[in-house]
Protein backbone atom coordinates (compact mmCIF):
# COMPACT_ATOMS: atom_id res chain seq x y z
CA MET A 1 154.56 67.35 152.67
CA PRO A 2 156.68 66.67 150.34
CA LYS A 3 155.95 67.03 146.82
CA ARG A 4 156.13 63.89 144.16
CA ASN A 5 158.13 64.20 140.99
CA MET A 6 155.84 62.96 138.59
CA SER A 7 156.42 62.18 135.06
CA SER A 8 155.99 63.83 132.22
CA SER A 9 155.11 60.53 130.16
CA THR A 10 151.71 59.31 129.66
CA LEU A 11 151.09 55.77 129.48
CA GLU A 12 148.97 54.02 126.25
CA PRO A 13 147.66 51.17 126.13
CA ASP A 14 148.44 47.53 124.61
CA MET A 15 146.29 48.12 121.35
CA THR A 16 147.26 43.86 120.73
CA PRO A 17 144.36 42.13 122.13
CA MET A 18 141.98 45.07 120.61
CA ILE A 19 143.46 44.62 116.86
CA ASP A 20 142.87 40.45 117.78
CA ILE A 21 139.44 40.86 118.60
CA VAL A 22 139.10 42.88 115.21
CA PHE A 23 140.26 40.56 112.90
CA GLN A 24 138.21 37.68 115.21
CA LEU A 25 135.08 39.67 114.30
CA LEU A 26 136.08 40.29 110.73
CA THR A 27 136.81 36.28 110.13
CA PHE A 28 133.81 35.49 111.77
CA PHE A 29 131.36 38.01 109.64
CA MET A 30 132.90 36.75 106.07
CA VAL A 31 132.31 33.08 107.39
CA VAL A 32 128.49 34.23 108.43
CA ILE A 33 127.78 35.83 105.56
CA ASN A 34 125.06 34.65 102.46
CA PHE A 35 126.76 34.77 99.52
CA GLU A 36 124.18 33.21 97.90
CA ASN A 37 121.96 37.26 98.56
CA THR A 38 125.13 38.77 96.56
CA LYS A 39 122.84 38.50 93.80
CA ALA A 40 119.63 39.18 95.11
CA ASP A 41 118.47 43.23 94.12
CA GLU A 42 115.61 44.52 96.69
CA ARG A 43 113.70 46.51 93.98
CA VAL A 44 112.53 42.41 93.60
CA LYS A 45 109.97 41.01 95.42
CA LEU A 46 110.03 37.01 95.10
CA PRO A 47 106.57 35.30 95.21
CA LYS A 48 105.79 33.21 98.48
CA ASP A 49 105.64 28.95 97.86
CA VAL A 50 104.72 26.51 99.97
CA LEU A 51 106.49 23.60 96.49
CA ALA A 52 109.51 26.09 96.82
CA LYS A 53 112.59 24.97 97.42
CA PRO A 54 116.79 25.21 97.04
CA PRO A 55 118.07 23.89 94.33
CA GLU A 56 119.21 20.21 95.28
CA SER A 57 122.56 21.13 93.18
CA LYS A 58 124.24 24.96 92.59
CA PRO A 59 124.49 24.77 88.69
CA LYS A 60 128.02 25.17 87.11
CA GLU A 61 127.70 28.89 85.22
CA GLU A 62 125.34 30.82 86.54
CA LEU A 63 123.72 34.56 84.87
CA THR A 64 121.06 35.70 87.04
CA LEU A 65 118.57 37.96 85.81
CA ASN A 66 116.85 40.22 88.32
CA PHE A 67 113.11 41.51 87.02
CA GLY A 68 110.47 43.93 89.13
CA PHE A 69 109.57 47.15 89.60
CA LEU A 70 111.11 50.82 90.56
CA ARG A 71 109.45 51.31 93.90
CA GLY A 72 110.03 54.61 95.70
CA SER A 73 110.97 54.40 99.47
CA SER A 74 107.38 53.10 100.71
CA GLY A 75 107.23 50.31 98.40
CA ASP A 76 104.40 51.28 95.36
CA LYS A 77 105.89 51.01 92.15
CA LEU A 78 106.86 54.21 90.54
CA ASP A 79 106.60 52.79 86.70
CA PRO A 80 103.77 50.27 86.14
CA VAL A 81 105.85 48.72 83.72
CA PRO A 82 108.28 46.42 84.84
CA LYS A 83 111.91 46.44 84.20
CA LEU A 84 115.21 43.94 83.93
CA PHE A 85 117.94 44.86 86.45
CA HIS A 86 121.41 44.15 85.24
CA SER A 87 124.91 45.32 85.13
CA GLY A 88 123.79 48.75 86.62
CA GLY A 89 121.02 49.59 84.64
CA GLU A 90 117.35 48.79 83.87
CA TYR A 91 116.05 47.54 80.54
CA VAL A 92 112.30 46.41 79.26
CA VAL A 93 112.11 43.06 78.06
CA GLU A 94 111.60 43.95 74.76
CA LYS A 95 114.91 45.62 74.45
CA PHE A 96 117.69 43.76 76.32
CA LYS A 97 117.97 40.40 73.47
CA PRO A 98 121.31 42.52 72.67
CA LEU A 99 122.54 42.69 76.27
CA LEU A 100 121.78 38.76 76.44
CA GLU A 101 123.74 38.17 73.11
CA GLU A 102 126.81 40.36 74.48
CA GLU A 103 126.54 38.28 78.08
CA LYS A 104 126.46 34.95 75.63
CA ARG A 105 129.83 36.40 73.85
CA VAL A 106 131.12 36.65 77.00
CA ALA A 107 130.66 33.28 78.43
CA ILE A 108 131.75 31.45 75.02
CA ALA A 109 134.65 33.28 74.94
CA ARG A 110 135.12 32.88 79.18
CA TYR A 111 133.84 29.15 79.46
CA GLY A 112 134.66 27.82 75.85
CA LYS A 113 131.94 27.04 73.10
CA ASP A 114 129.70 25.21 75.38
CA ALA A 115 129.11 27.83 78.18
CA LEU A 116 125.74 27.79 76.49
CA THR A 117 124.96 24.56 77.08
CA ASP A 118 126.13 24.08 80.66
CA MET A 119 124.78 28.15 81.83
CA THR A 120 122.19 28.16 83.56
CA ILE A 121 119.56 31.99 83.34
CA THR A 122 118.85 31.92 86.61
CA ILE A 123 115.19 34.64 87.06
CA ARG A 124 114.68 36.40 90.21
CA ALA A 125 111.23 38.05 89.39
CA ASP A 126 108.70 40.48 91.56
CA PHE A 127 105.86 38.82 92.55
CA GLU A 128 103.64 41.93 90.46
CA VAL A 129 105.48 41.06 87.26
CA PRO A 130 102.81 39.50 84.81
CA THR A 131 103.59 35.42 84.09
CA GLY A 132 103.38 36.49 80.32
CA LYS A 133 106.51 38.29 80.21
CA VAL A 134 108.65 35.94 82.68
CA GLN A 135 108.24 34.05 79.73
CA GLU A 136 108.88 36.41 77.04
CA LEU A 137 112.01 36.57 78.34
CA ILE A 138 112.38 32.93 78.55
CA LYS A 139 111.80 33.02 74.68
CA ILE A 140 114.29 35.81 74.23
CA CYS A 141 116.82 33.76 76.09
CA GLN A 142 115.51 30.56 74.02
CA GLU A 143 116.42 32.91 70.82
CA VAL A 144 119.98 33.62 72.16
CA GLY A 145 120.93 30.47 72.59
CA TYR A 146 119.99 29.02 76.49
CA SER A 147 117.88 26.56 77.35
CA LYS A 148 118.31 25.49 81.11
CA PHE A 149 116.05 28.28 83.69
CA SER A 150 115.77 28.55 87.28
CA LEU A 151 113.16 30.74 88.75
CA LYS A 152 113.24 31.58 92.15
CA ALA A 153 111.29 32.03 94.77
CA ILE A 154 110.70 32.38 99.19
CA GLN A 155 109.33 29.56 100.60
CA GLU A 156 106.40 30.09 102.04
CA GLU A 157 106.07 28.26 105.89
CA VAL A 158 103.11 25.73 106.46
CA VAL A 159 101.39 26.87 109.51
CA GLN A 160 100.20 23.62 110.79
CA SER A 161 96.45 23.17 112.74
CA GLU A 162 96.46 21.43 116.18
């Protein structure tokens, strides 16, 4: 039997279709991602309400404040005092006014002197945060000069009886 000469070169698959598929998947996920949740904080468990509904129009300018608790991996509160989670820090309501004043200066520098009248403060408060603390936060925001507020909740599905 004669011996065949095998070439030592290896065959490499064409990677063009694979690259096309990767770019298509990347584009798909960029289109379907929910950008609304980018301001969400997992430490805040929003309250559920039947009357909750999404806003009819998106605010022109928005400052989102996440108000919740430091929680363990099982979901239990590590600290009974609610905290504001903002710009990577954790703050109690009473000490938050200087940060709001800084946000005010940034908004005025970026959007002009009418920035505060156009700016909406969106408060994402945990369902266990006392109402009085949320009111205290709103009062501090008003003292700084903000006047528009939005409270977030999850829409609870109504179970219809037959």
